[in-house]
C-alpha atoms as a PDB file:
ATOM      1  CA  MET A   1     -76.993 176.070 -71.223  1.00  0.00           C
ATOM      2  CA  SER A   2     -73.616 177.513 -70.330  1.00  0.00           C
ATOM      3  CA  THR A   3     -70.892 174.997 -71.053  1.00  0.00           C
ATOM      4  CA  LYS A   4     -67.357 175.100 -69.711  1.00  0.00           C
ATOM      5  CA  ILE A   5     -66.077 175.833 -73.218  1.00  0.00           C
ATOM      6  CA  LYS A   6     -68.522 178.715 -73.572  1.00  0.00           C
ATOM      7  CA  ARG A   7     -67.350 180.174 -70.250  1.00  0.00           C
ATOM      8  CA  ILE A   8     -63.679 179.861 -71.249  1.00  0.00           C
ATOM      9  CA  LEU A   9     -64.364 181.619 -74.540  1.00  0.00           C
ATOM     10  CA  ALA A  10     -66.234 184.413 -72.755  1.00  0.00           C
ATOM     11  CA  GLU A  11     -63.504 184.857 -70.124  1.00  0.00           C
ATOM     12  CA  ARG A  12     -60.830 185.084 -72.817  1.00  0.00           C
ATOM     13  CA  LYS A  13     -63.018 187.153 -75.156  1.00  0.00           C
ATOM     14  CA  ILE A  14     -62.590 184.598 -77.940  1.00  0.00           C
ATOM     15  CA  SER A  15     -65.366 184.104 -80.488  1.00  0.00           C
ATOM     16  CA  GLN A  16     -66.357 180.755 -81.950  1.00  0.00           C
ATOM     17  CA  THR A  17     -64.874 181.940 -85.254  1.00  0.00           C
ATOM     18  CA  GLU A  18     -61.564 182.651 -83.536  1.00  0.00           C
ATOM     19  CA  LEU A  19     -61.680 179.186 -81.956  1.00  0.00           C
ATOM     20  CA  PHE A  20     -62.312 177.744 -85.426  1.00  0.00           C
ATOM     21  CA  ASP A  21     -59.284 179.650 -86.773  1.00  0.00           C
ATOM     22  CA  LYS A  22     -57.059 178.441 -83.907  1.00  0.00           C
ATOM     23  CA  ILE A  23     -58.101 174.825 -84.471  1.00  0.00           C
ATOM     24  CA  LYS A  24     -57.572 175.206 -88.218  1.00  0.00           C
ATOM     25  CA  SER A  25     -54.059 176.584 -87.737  1.00  0.00           C
ATOM     26  CA  ASN A  26     -53.108 173.890 -85.179  1.00  0.00           C
ATOM     27  CA  SER A  27     -54.509 170.796 -86.925  1.00  0.00           C
ATOM     28  CA  LYS A  28     -54.166 169.063 -90.251  1.00  0.00           C
ATOM     29  CA  THR A  29     -57.882 168.386 -90.152  1.00  0.00           C
ATOM     30  CA  HIS A  30     -60.132 170.989 -88.623  1.00  0.00           C
ATOM     31  CA  LEU A  31     -63.675 171.083 -87.300  1.00  0.00           C
ATOM     32  CA  GLY A  32     -66.574 172.700 -89.078  1.00  0.00           C
ATOM     33  CA  LYS A  33     -67.990 175.905 -87.625  1.00  0.00           C
ATOM     34  CA  ASP A  34     -71.327 174.133 -87.160  1.00  0.00           C
ATOM     35  CA  VAL A  35     -69.692 171.385 -85.065  1.00  0.00           C
ATOM     36  CA  ILE A  36     -67.876 173.953 -82.924  1.00  0.00           C
ATOM     37  CA  SER A  37     -71.138 175.835 -82.374  1.00  0.00           C
ATOM     38  CA  LYS A  38     -72.967 172.657 -81.313  1.00  0.00           C
ATOM     39  CA  ILE A  39     -70.198 171.702 -78.880  1.00  0.00           C
ATOM     40  CA  VAL A  40     -69.867 175.212 -77.419  1.00  0.00           C
ATOM     41  CA  ASN A  41     -73.637 175.473 -76.931  1.00  0.00           C
ATOM     42  CA  GLY A  42     -73.998 172.000 -75.405  1.00  0.00           C
ATOM     43  CA  LYS A  43     -76.072 170.572 -78.259  1.00  0.00           C
ATOM     44  CA  LYS A  44     -73.358 168.037 -79.095  1.00  0.00           C
ATOM     45  CA  GLN A  45     -71.943 166.330 -76.027  1.00  0.00           C
ATOM     46  CA  ASN A  46     -70.734 163.013 -77.350  1.00  0.00           C
ATOM     47  CA  TYR A  47     -67.831 163.696 -79.679  1.00  0.00           C
ATOM     48  CA  GLU A  48     -64.524 162.060 -80.535  1.00  0.00           C
ATOM     49  CA  LEU A  49     -61.420 162.232 -78.397  1.00  0.00           C
ATOM     50  CA  PHE A  50     -59.483 163.888 -81.229  1.00  0.00           C
ATOM     51  CA  THR A  51     -62.114 166.621 -81.401  1.00  0.00           C
ATOM     52  CA  LEU A  52     -61.696 167.204 -77.672  1.00  0.00           C
ATOM     53  CA  LEU A  53     -57.913 167.349 -78.036  1.00  0.00           C
ATOM     54  CA  LYS A  54     -58.117 169.825 -80.929  1.00  0.00           C
ATOM     55  CA  ILE A  55     -60.224 172.142 -78.786  1.00  0.00           C
ATOM     56  CA  CYS A  56     -57.868 171.699 -75.822  1.00  0.00           C
ATOM     57  CA  LEU A  57     -54.808 172.538 -77.914  1.00  0.00           C
ATOM     58  CA  ALA A  58     -56.479 175.600 -79.407  1.00  0.00           C
ATOM     59  CA  LEU A  59     -57.485 176.903 -75.955  1.00  0.00           C
ATOM     60  CA  ASN A  60     -54.372 175.651 -74.136  1.00  0.00           C
ATOM     61  CA  VAL A  61     -56.431 173.779 -71.528  1.00  0.00           C
ATOM     62  CA  SER A  62     -56.596 170.208 -70.289  1.00  0.00           C
ATOM     63  CA  PRO A  63     -59.552 167.947 -71.126  1.00  0.00           C
ATOM     64  CA  ASN A  64     -60.623 168.091 -67.468  1.00  0.00           C
ATOM     65  CA  GLU A  65     -61.156 171.830 -67.803  1.00  0.00           C
ATOM     66  CA  ILE A  66     -63.809 171.435 -70.501  1.00  0.00           C
ATOM     67  CA  ILE A  67     -65.404 168.030 -69.947  1.00  0.00           C
ATOM     68  CA  GLU A  68     -68.902 168.321 -68.475  1.00  0.00           C
ATOM     69  CA  LYS A  69     -68.398 165.543 -65.921  1.00  0.00           C
ATOM     70  CA  GLU A  70     -71.281 166.491 -63.619  1.00  0.00           C
ATOM     71  CA  GLU A  71     -73.781 166.572 -66.457  1.00  0.00           C
ATOM     72  CA  PHE A  72     -72.591 163.159 -67.661  1.00  0.00           C
ATOM     73  CA  ILE A  73     -72.994 161.698 -64.177  1.00  0.00           C
ATOM     74  CA  ASN A  74     -76.479 163.191 -63.847  1.00  0.00           C
ATOM     75  CA  THR A  75     -77.571 161.746 -67.193  1.00  0.00           C
ATOM     76  CA  GLN A  76     -76.244 158.316 -66.297  1.00  0.00           C
ATOM     77  CA  LEU A  77     -77.987 158.283 -62.931  1.00  0.00           C
ATOM     78  CA  ASN A  78     -81.320 159.477 -64.334  1.00  0.00           C
ATOM     79  CA  LYS A  79     -81.699 156.796 -67.009  1.00  0.00           C
END
């Protein structure tokens, strides 16, 4: 699965480790590399707002640019 975050990282040639480092330098509390990997790869889709904001700040994007809205809608309709 190619997530929006994964595509942004690829376009900017940023690794998950570099994303981790950016989050760590921007936040008092950072995310674990395992959490970042799960989010980037779409294995973790339901995470806290503060986690979303940390990623947004590190990538200088808005939440709308990385939220998987269509996938959420599809999962809600197919219950």
